[in-house]
Amino acid sequence: MVIGIFVFWAITIPDIKEHNFEFRELVVIGLETCILIFAFYAIFGFYNKMPVKVINSIGFGLHLLATIGLLYYMLAFKFDSLF
């Protein structure tokens, strides 16, 4: 999920000639970077550490809530396709 967000962000940002980063955009990018770093820590063997477990659980919960919210939004407004 994090890699997908970074790819989408990297594809859409170059289309904007002058991009000013908003605070909420920086917070989301920072949070996703943190989740990605701790996911790599978990993959490479630090999964027993408590901070890694906490950050991974928070990241999973946030992504699950975002996915459920987006699916609800699609169903509420009868979207048949993403584009």
PDB file of N, CA and C in Angstrom:
ATOM      1  N   MET A   1       0.831  -1.187   0.000  1.00  0.00           N
ATOM      2  CA  MET A   1       0.000   0.000   0.000  1.00  0.00           C
ATOM      3  C   MET A   1       0.878   1.254   0.000  1.00  0.00           C
ATOM      4  N   VAL A   2       1.906   1.251   0.829  1.00  0.00           N
ATOM      5  CA  VAL A   2       2.790   2.416   0.927  1.00  0.00           C
ATOM      6  C   VAL A   2       3.511   2.655  -0.396  1.00  0.00           C
ATOM      7  N   ILE A   3       3.999   1.595  -0.995  1.00  0.00           N
ATOM      8  CA  ILE A   3       4.706   1.743  -2.265  1.00  0.00           C
ATOM      9  C   ILE A   3       3.756   2.266  -3.334  1.00  0.00           C
ATOM     10  N   GLY A   4       2.517   1.803  -3.332  1.00  0.00           N
ATOM     11  CA  GLY A   4       1.517   2.316  -4.275  1.00  0.00           C
ATOM     12  C   GLY A   4       1.251   3.799  -4.085  1.00  0.00           C
ATOM     13  N   ILE A   5       1.194   4.251  -2.834  1.00  0.00           N
ATOM     14  CA  ILE A   5       0.991   5.674  -2.553  1.00  0.00           C
ATOM     15  C   ILE A   5       2.176   6.481  -3.053  1.00  0.00           C
ATOM     16  N   PHE A   6       3.401   5.995  -2.813  1.00  0.00           N
ATOM     17  CA  PHE A   6       4.587   6.714  -3.283  1.00  0.00           C
ATOM     18  C   PHE A   6       4.646   6.771  -4.810  1.00  0.00           C
ATOM     19  N   VAL A   7       4.295   5.670  -5.472  1.00  0.00           N
ATOM     20  CA  VAL A   7       4.304   5.656  -6.944  1.00  0.00           C
ATOM     21  C   VAL A   7       3.267   6.639  -7.482  1.00  0.00           C
ATOM     22  N   PHE A   8       2.062   6.630  -6.928  1.00  0.00           N
ATOM     23  CA  PHE A   8       1.021   7.561  -7.371  1.00  0.00           C
ATOM     24  C   PHE A   8       1.468   9.000  -7.147  1.00  0.00           C
ATOM     25  N   TRP A   9       2.047   9.280  -5.999  1.00  0.00           N
ATOM     26  CA  TRP A   9       2.506  10.632  -5.679  1.00  0.00           C
ATOM     27  C   TRP A   9       3.619  11.055  -6.632  1.00  0.00           C
ATOM     28  N   ALA A  10       4.538  10.153  -6.924  1.00  0.00           N
ATOM     29  CA  ALA A  10       5.659  10.479  -7.810  1.00  0.00           C
ATOM     30  C   ALA A  10       5.203  10.696  -9.247  1.00  0.00           C
ATOM     31  N   ILE A  11       4.144  10.019  -9.659  1.00  0.00           N
ATOM     32  CA  ILE A  11       3.644  10.182 -11.026  1.00  0.00           C
ATOM     33  C   ILE A  11       2.869  11.483 -11.179  1.00  0.00           C
ATOM     34  N   THR A  12       2.072  11.853 -10.193  1.00  0.00           N
ATOM     35  CA  THR A  12       1.217  13.029 -10.327  1.00  0.00           C
ATOM     36  C   THR A  12       1.931  14.335 -10.011  1.00  0.00           C
ATOM     37  N   ILE A  13       2.928  14.342  -9.172  1.00  0.00           N
ATOM     38  CA  ILE A  13       3.612  15.580  -8.783  1.00  0.00           C
ATOM     39  C   ILE A  13       4.365  16.230  -9.952  1.00  0.00           C
ATOM     40  N   PRO A  14       5.073  15.497 -10.811  1.00  0.00           N
ATOM     41  CA  PRO A  14       5.783  16.182 -11.900  1.00  0.00           C
ATOM     42  C   PRO A  14       4.872  16.924 -12.879  1.00  0.00           C
ATOM     43  N   ASP A  15       3.581  16.586 -12.938  1.00  0.00           N
ATOM     44  CA  ASP A  15       2.657  17.275 -13.824  1.00  0.00           C
ATOM     45  C   ASP A  15       2.362  18.695 -13.356  1.00  0.00           C
ATOM     46  N   ILE A  16       2.630  18.981 -12.099  1.00  0.00           N
ATOM     47  CA  ILE A  16       2.385  20.303 -11.541  1.00  0.00           C
ATOM     48  C   ILE A  16       3.659  21.127 -11.709  1.00  0.00           C
ATOM     49  N   LYS A  17       3.564  22.288 -12.354  1.00  0.00           N
ATOM     50  CA  LYS A  17       4.765  23.088 -12.621  1.00  0.00           C
ATOM     51  C   LYS A  17       5.385  23.632 -11.347  1.00  0.00           C
ATOM     52  N   GLU A  18       4.609  24.254 -10.500  1.00  0.00           N
ATOM     53  CA  GLU A  18       5.130  24.774  -9.239  1.00  0.00           C
ATOM     54  C   GLU A  18       4.322  24.140  -8.120  1.00  0.00           C
ATOM     55  N   HIS A  19       4.960  23.269  -7.388  1.00  0.00           N
ATOM     56  CA  HIS A  19       4.246  22.533  -6.345  1.00  0.00           C
ATOM     57  C   HIS A  19       4.670  23.036  -4.972  1.00  0.00           C
ATOM     58  N   ASN A  20       3.719  23.517  -4.224  1.00  0.00           N
ATOM     59  CA  ASN A  20       3.958  23.923  -2.843  1.00  0.00           C
ATOM     60  C   ASN A  20       3.422  22.833  -1.930  1.00  0.00           C
ATOM     61  N   PHE A  21       4.274  22.299  -1.090  1.00  0.00           N
ATOM     62  CA  PHE A  21       3.860  21.235  -0.188  1.00  0.00           C
ATOM     63  C   PHE A  21       2.998  21.806   0.935  1.00  0.00           C
ATOM     64  N   GLU A  22       1.824  21.236   1.103  1.00  0.00           N
ATOM     65  CA  GLU A  22       0.963  21.606   2.219  1.00  0.00           C
ATOM     66  C   GLU A  22       1.356  20.772   3.429  1.00  0.00           C
ATOM     67  N   PHE A  23       0.973  21.242   4.614  1.00  0.00           N
ATOM     68  CA  PHE A  23       1.324  20.544   5.841  1.00  0.00           C
ATOM     69  C   PHE A  23       0.738  19.139   5.870  1.00  0.00           C
ATOM     70  N   ARG A  24      -0.516  18.992   5.452  1.00  0.00           N
ATOM     71  CA  ARG A  24      -1.144  17.667   5.504  1.00  0.00           C
ATOM     72  C   ARG A  24      -0.488  16.696   4.530  1.00  0.00           C
ATOM     73  N   GLU A  25      -0.003  17.205   3.385  1.00  0.00           N
ATOM     74  CA  GLU A  25       0.704  16.348   2.445  1.00  0.00           C
ATOM     75  C   GLU A  25       2.030  15.875   3.034  1.00  0.00           C
ATOM     76  N   LEU A  26       2.738  16.767   3.695  1.00  0.00           N
ATOM     77  CA  LEU A  26       3.989  16.391   4.342  1.00  0.00           C
ATOM     78  C   LEU A  26       3.762  15.391   5.471  1.00  0.00           C
ATOM     79  N   VAL A  27       2.664  15.541   6.213  1.00  0.00           N
ATOM     80  CA  VAL A  27       2.357  14.606   7.293  1.00  0.00           C
ATOM     81  C   VAL A  27       2.080  13.217   6.725  1.00  0.00           C
ATOM     82  N   VAL A  28       1.293  13.136   5.651  1.00  0.00           N
ATOM     83  CA  VAL A  28       0.969  11.839   5.050  1.00  0.00           C
ATOM     84  C   VAL A  28       2.226  11.188   4.478  1.00  0.00           C
ATOM     85  N   ILE A  29       3.049  11.949   3.759  1.00  0.00           N
ATOM     86  CA  ILE A  29       4.285  11.397   3.193  1.00  0.00           C
ATOM     87  C   ILE A  29       5.219  10.937   4.314  1.00  0.00           C
ATOM     88  N   GLY A  30       5.339  11.711   5.374  1.00  0.00           N
ATOM     89  CA  GLY A  30       6.177  11.317   6.505  1.00  0.00           C
ATOM     90  C   GLY A  30       5.665  10.067   7.195  1.00  0.00           C
ATOM     91  N   LEU A  31       4.353   9.979   7.389  1.00  0.00           N
ATOM     92  CA  LEU A  31       3.755   8.797   8.010  1.00  0.00           C
ATOM     93  C   LEU A  31       3.964   7.564   7.148  1.00  0.00           C
ATOM     94  N   GLU A  32       3.765   7.697   5.849  1.00  0.00           N
ATOM     95  CA  GLU A  32       3.962   6.564   4.955  1.00  0.00           C
ATOM     96  C   GLU A  32       5.428   6.134   4.921  1.00  0.00           C
ATOM     97  N   THR A  33       6.346   7.081   4.974  1.00  0.00           N
ATOM     98  CA  THR A  33       7.766   6.745   5.027  1.00  0.00           C
ATOM     99  C   THR A  33       8.100   5.981   6.300  1.00  0.00           C
ATOM    100  N   CYS A  34       7.548   6.429   7.419  1.00  0.00           N
ATOM    101  CA  CYS A  34       7.756   5.748   8.696  1.00  0.00           C
ATOM    102  C   CYS A  34       7.214   4.326   8.654  1.00  0.00           C
ATOM    103  N   ILE A  35       6.033   4.155   8.103  1.00  0.00           N
ATOM    104  CA  ILE A  35       5.437   2.820   7.995  1.00  0.00           C
ATOM    105  C   ILE A  35       6.286   1.925   7.095  1.00  0.00           C
ATOM    106  N   LEU A  36       6.793   2.477   5.991  1.00  0.00           N
ATOM    107  CA  LEU A  36       7.630   1.697   5.084  1.00  0.00           C
ATOM    108  C   LEU A  36       8.935   1.270   5.757  1.00  0.00           C
ATOM    109  N   ILE A  37       9.568   2.163   6.491  1.00  0.00           N
ATOM    110  CA  ILE A  37      10.813   1.834   7.191  1.00  0.00           C
ATOM    111  C   ILE A  37      10.579   0.728   8.218  1.00  0.00           C
ATOM    112  N   PHE A  38       9.520   0.842   9.002  1.00  0.00           N
ATOM    113  CA  PHE A  38       9.250  -0.183  10.005  1.00  0.00           C
ATOM    114  C   PHE A  38       8.786  -1.492   9.381  1.00  0.00           C
ATOM    115  N   ALA A  39       8.150  -1.431   8.219  1.00  0.00           N
ATOM    116  CA  ALA A  39       7.806  -2.671   7.515  1.00  0.00           C
ATOM    117  C   ALA A  39       9.073  -3.386   7.062  1.00  0.00           C
ATOM    118  N   PHE A  40      10.062  -2.630   6.567  1.00  0.00           N
ATOM    119  CA  PHE A  40      11.338  -3.246   6.194  1.00  0.00           C
ATOM    120  C   PHE A  40      12.057  -3.811   7.415  1.00  0.00           C
ATOM    121  N   TYR A  41      11.986  -3.113   8.548  1.00  0.00           N
ATOM    122  CA  TYR A  41      12.571  -3.649   9.780  1.00  0.00           C
ATOM    123  C   TYR A  41      11.932  -4.986  10.138  1.00  0.00           C
ATOM    124  N   ALA A  42      10.613  -5.069   9.996  1.00  0.00           N
ATOM    125  CA  ALA A  42       9.921  -6.316  10.318  1.00  0.00           C
ATOM    126  C   ALA A  42      10.311  -7.430   9.348  1.00  0.00           C
ATOM    127  N   ILE A  43      10.482  -7.093   8.082  1.00  0.00           N
ATOM    128  CA  ILE A  43      10.846  -8.101   7.086  1.00  0.00           C
ATOM    129  C   ILE A  43      12.251  -8.640   7.347  1.00  0.00           C
ATOM    130  N   PHE A  44      13.163  -7.764   7.734  1.00  0.00           N
ATOM    131  CA  PHE A  44      14.556  -8.165   7.898  1.00  0.00           C
ATOM    132  C   PHE A  44      14.902  -8.649   9.300  1.00  0.00           C
ATOM    133  N   GLY A  45      13.922  -8.996  10.124  1.00  0.00           N
ATOM    134  CA  GLY A  45      14.207  -9.706  11.351  1.00  0.00           C
ATOM    135  C   GLY A  45      14.005  -8.968  12.655  1.00  0.00           C
ATOM    136  N   PHE A  46      13.581  -7.728  12.640  1.00  0.00           N
ATOM    137  CA  PHE A  46      13.363  -7.001  13.883  1.00  0.00           C
ATOM    138  C   PHE A  46      11.892  -7.014  14.298  1.00  0.00           C
ATOM    139  N   TYR A  47      11.146  -8.045  13.873  1.00  0.00           N
ATOM    140  CA  TYR A  47       9.709  -8.099  14.138  1.00  0.00           C
ATOM    141  C   TYR A  47       9.382  -8.332  15.609  1.00  0.00           C
ATOM    142  N   ASN A  48      10.342  -8.742  16.440  1.00  0.00           N
ATOM    143  CA  ASN A  48      10.086  -8.953  17.866  1.00  0.00           C
ATOM    144  C   ASN A  48      10.174  -7.670  18.683  1.00  0.00           C
ATOM    145  N   LYS A  49      10.681  -6.607  18.104  1.00  0.00           N
ATOM    146  CA  LYS A  49      10.812  -5.333  18.817  1.00  0.00           C
ATOM    147  C   LYS A  49       9.440  -4.679  18.963  1.00  0.00           C
ATOM    148  N   MET A  50       9.163  -4.138  20.143  1.00  0.00           N
ATOM    149  CA  MET A  50       7.858  -3.550  20.425  1.00  0.00           C
ATOM    150  C   MET A  50       7.546  -2.332  19.544  1.00  0.00           C
ATOM    151  N   PRO A  51       8.481  -1.384  19.316  1.00  0.00           N
ATOM    152  CA  PRO A  51       8.138  -0.247  18.448  1.00  0.00           C
ATOM    153  C   PRO A  51       7.778  -0.666  17.024  1.00  0.00           C
ATOM    154  N   VAL A  52       8.429  -1.704  16.522  1.00  0.00           N
ATOM    155  CA  VAL A  52       8.120  -2.191  15.176  1.00  0.00           C
ATOM    156  C   VAL A  52       6.707  -2.753  15.135  1.00  0.00           C
ATOM    157  N   LYS A  53       6.336  -3.516  16.152  1.00  0.00           N
ATOM    158  CA  LYS A  53       4.984  -4.075  16.209  1.00  0.00           C
ATOM    159  C   LYS A  53       3.933  -2.976  16.298  1.00  0.00           C
ATOM    160  N   VAL A  54       4.198  -1.963  17.118  1.00  0.00           N
ATOM    161  CA  VAL A  54       3.230  -0.875  17.307  1.00  0.00           C
ATOM    162  C   VAL A  54       3.049  -0.086  16.018  1.00  0.00           C
ATOM    163  N   ILE A  55       4.140   0.328  15.390  1.00  0.00           N
ATOM    164  CA  ILE A  55       4.048   1.117  14.153  1.00  0.00           C
ATOM    165  C   ILE A  55       3.394   0.304  13.043  1.00  0.00           C
ATOM    166  N   ASN A  56       3.731  -0.973  12.925  1.00  0.00           N
ATOM    167  CA  ASN A  56       3.100  -1.808  11.898  1.00  0.00           C
ATOM    168  C   ASN A  56       1.609  -1.978  12.156  1.00  0.00           C
ATOM    169  N   SER A  57       1.212  -2.111  13.405  1.00  0.00           N
ATOM    170  CA  SER A  57      -0.214  -2.232  13.726  1.00  0.00           C
ATOM    171  C   SER A  57      -0.962  -0.936  13.424  1.00  0.00           C
ATOM    172  N   ILE A  58      -0.362   0.189  13.774  1.00  0.00           N
ATOM    173  CA  ILE A  58      -0.988   1.482  13.478  1.00  0.00           C
ATOM    174  C   ILE A  58      -1.092   1.684  11.969  1.00  0.00           C
ATOM    175  N   GLY A  59      -0.033   1.365  11.250  1.00  0.00           N
ATOM    176  CA  GLY A  59      -0.056   1.498   9.791  1.00  0.00           C
ATOM    177  C   GLY A  59      -1.097   0.609   9.153  1.00  0.00           C
ATOM    178  N   PHE A  60      -1.188  -0.637   9.619  1.00  0.00           N
ATOM    179  CA  PHE A  60      -2.199  -1.545   9.080  1.00  0.00           C
ATOM    180  C   PHE A  60      -3.602  -1.017   9.367  1.00  0.00           C
ATOM    181  N   GLY A  61      -3.825  -0.533  10.577  1.00  0.00           N
ATOM    182  CA  GLY A  61      -5.141  -0.005  10.927  1.00  0.00           C
ATOM    183  C   GLY A  61      -5.521   1.208  10.095  1.00  0.00           C
ATOM    184  N   LEU A  62      -4.577   2.135   9.898  1.00  0.00           N
ATOM    185  CA  LEU A  62      -4.861   3.323   9.084  1.00  0.00           C
ATOM    186  C   LEU A  62      -5.147   2.950   7.635  1.00  0.00           C
ATOM    187  N   HIS A  63      -4.376   2.028   7.081  1.00  0.00           N
ATOM    188  CA  HIS A  63      -4.619   1.614   5.698  1.00  0.00           C
ATOM    189  C   HIS A  63      -5.929   0.851   5.562  1.00  0.00           C
ATOM    190  N   LEU A  64      -6.275   0.053   6.567  1.00  0.00           N
ATOM    191  CA  LEU A  64      -7.545  -0.660   6.537  1.00  0.00           C
ATOM    192  C   LEU A  64      -8.717   0.318   6.589  1.00  0.00           C
ATOM    193  N   LEU A  65      -8.641   1.310   7.471  1.00  0.00           N
ATOM    194  CA  LEU A  65      -9.705   2.315   7.542  1.00  0.00           C
ATOM    195  C   LEU A  65      -9.819   3.112   6.251  1.00  0.00           C
ATOM    196  N   ALA A  66      -8.685   3.469   5.650  1.00  0.00           N
ATOM    197  CA  ALA A  66      -8.710   4.211   4.386  1.00  0.00           C
ATOM    198  C   ALA A  66      -9.330   3.372   3.271  1.00  0.00           C
ATOM    199  N   THR A  67      -8.984   2.092   3.220  1.00  0.00           N
ATOM    200  CA  THR A  67      -9.547   1.211   2.193  1.00  0.00           C
ATOM    201  C   THR A  67     -11.046   1.032   2.375  1.00  0.00           C
ATOM    202  N   ILE A  68     -11.488   0.825   3.595  1.00  0.00           N
ATOM    203  CA  ILE A  68     -12.921   0.683   3.855  1.00  0.00           C
ATOM    204  C   ILE A  68     -13.657   1.979   3.508  1.00  0.00           C
ATOM    205  N   GLY A  69     -13.072   3.125   3.874  1.00  0.00           N
ATOM    206  CA  GLY A  69     -13.692   4.408   3.551  1.00  0.00           C
ATOM    207  C   GLY A  69     -13.803   4.632   2.051  1.00  0.00           C
ATOM    208  N   LEU A  70     -12.748   4.288   1.311  1.00  0.00           N
ATOM    209  CA  LEU A  70     -12.796   4.465  -0.140  1.00  0.00           C
ATOM    210  C   LEU A  70     -13.788   3.512  -0.799  1.00  0.00           C
ATOM    211  N   LEU A  71     -13.862   2.283  -0.314  1.00  0.00           N
ATOM    212  CA  LEU A  71     -14.855   1.354  -0.855  1.00  0.00           C
ATOM    213  C   LEU A  71     -16.270   1.824  -0.569  1.00  0.00           C
ATOM    214  N   TYR A  72     -16.503   2.342   0.627  1.00  0.00           N
ATOM    215  CA  TYR A  72     -17.817   2.892   0.959  1.00  0.00           C
ATOM    216  C   TYR A  72     -18.149   4.080   0.061  1.00  0.00           C
ATOM    217  N   TYR A  73     -17.172   4.938  -0.173  1.00  0.00           N
ATOM    218  CA  TYR A  73     -17.362   6.103  -1.043  1.00  0.00           C
ATOM    219  C   TYR A  73     -17.720   5.661  -2.462  1.00  0.00           C
ATOM    220  N   MET A  74     -17.017   4.633  -2.964  1.00  0.00           N
ATOM    221  CA  MET A  74     -17.318   4.125  -4.305  1.00  0.00           C
ATOM    222  C   MET A  74     -18.715   3.537  -4.378  1.00  0.00           C
ATOM    223  N   LEU A  75     -19.121   2.809  -3.350  1.00  0.00           N
ATOM    224  CA  LEU A  75     -20.453   2.214  -3.359  1.00  0.00           C
ATOM    225  C   LEU A  75     -21.545   3.261  -3.162  1.00  0.00           C
ATOM    226  N   ALA A  76     -21.279   4.272  -2.357  1.00  0.00           N
ATOM    227  CA  ALA A  76     -22.288   5.298  -2.092  1.00  0.00           C
ATOM    228  C   ALA A  76     -22.579   6.131  -3.325  1.00  0.00           C
ATOM    229  N   PHE A  77     -21.583   6.381  -4.159  1.00  0.00           N
ATOM    230  CA  PHE A  77     -21.778   7.203  -5.334  1.00  0.00           C
ATOM    231  C   PHE A  77     -21.798   6.393  -6.630  1.00  0.00           C
ATOM    232  N   LYS A  78     -21.930   5.080  -6.494  1.00  0.00           N
ATOM    233  CA  LYS A  78     -22.108   4.166  -7.635  1.00  0.00           C
ATOM    234  C   LYS A  78     -21.017   4.277  -8.686  1.00  0.00           C
ATOM    235  N   PHE A  79     -19.751   4.323  -8.237  1.00  0.00           N
ATOM    236  CA  PHE A  79     -18.641   4.310  -9.178  1.00  0.00           C
ATOM    237  C   PHE A  79     -18.465   2.898  -9.714  1.00  0.00           C
ATOM    238  N   ASP A  80     -18.370   2.791 -11.038  1.00  0.00           N
ATOM    239  CA  ASP A  80     -18.144   1.488 -11.660  1.00  0.00           C
ATOM    240  C   ASP A  80     -16.670   1.236 -11.945  1.00  0.00           C
ATOM    241  N   SER A  81     -15.901   2.306 -12.106  1.00  0.00           N
ATOM    242  CA  SER A  81     -14.484   2.156 -12.392  1.00  0.00           C
ATOM    243  C   SER A  81     -13.705   3.242 -11.671  1.00  0.00           C
ATOM    244  N   LEU A  82     -12.415   3.069 -11.562  1.00  0.00           N
ATOM    245  CA  LEU A  82     -11.594   4.031 -10.854  1.00  0.00           C
ATOM    246  C   LEU A  82     -11.262   5.252 -11.700  1.00  0.00           C
ATOM    247  N   PHE A  83     -11.242   5.112 -13.030  1.00  0.00           N
ATOM    248  CA  PHE A  83     -10.904   6.246 -13.894  1.00  0.00           C
ATOM    249  C   PHE A  83     -12.003   6.499 -14.886  1.00  0.00           C
TER     250      PHE A  83
END
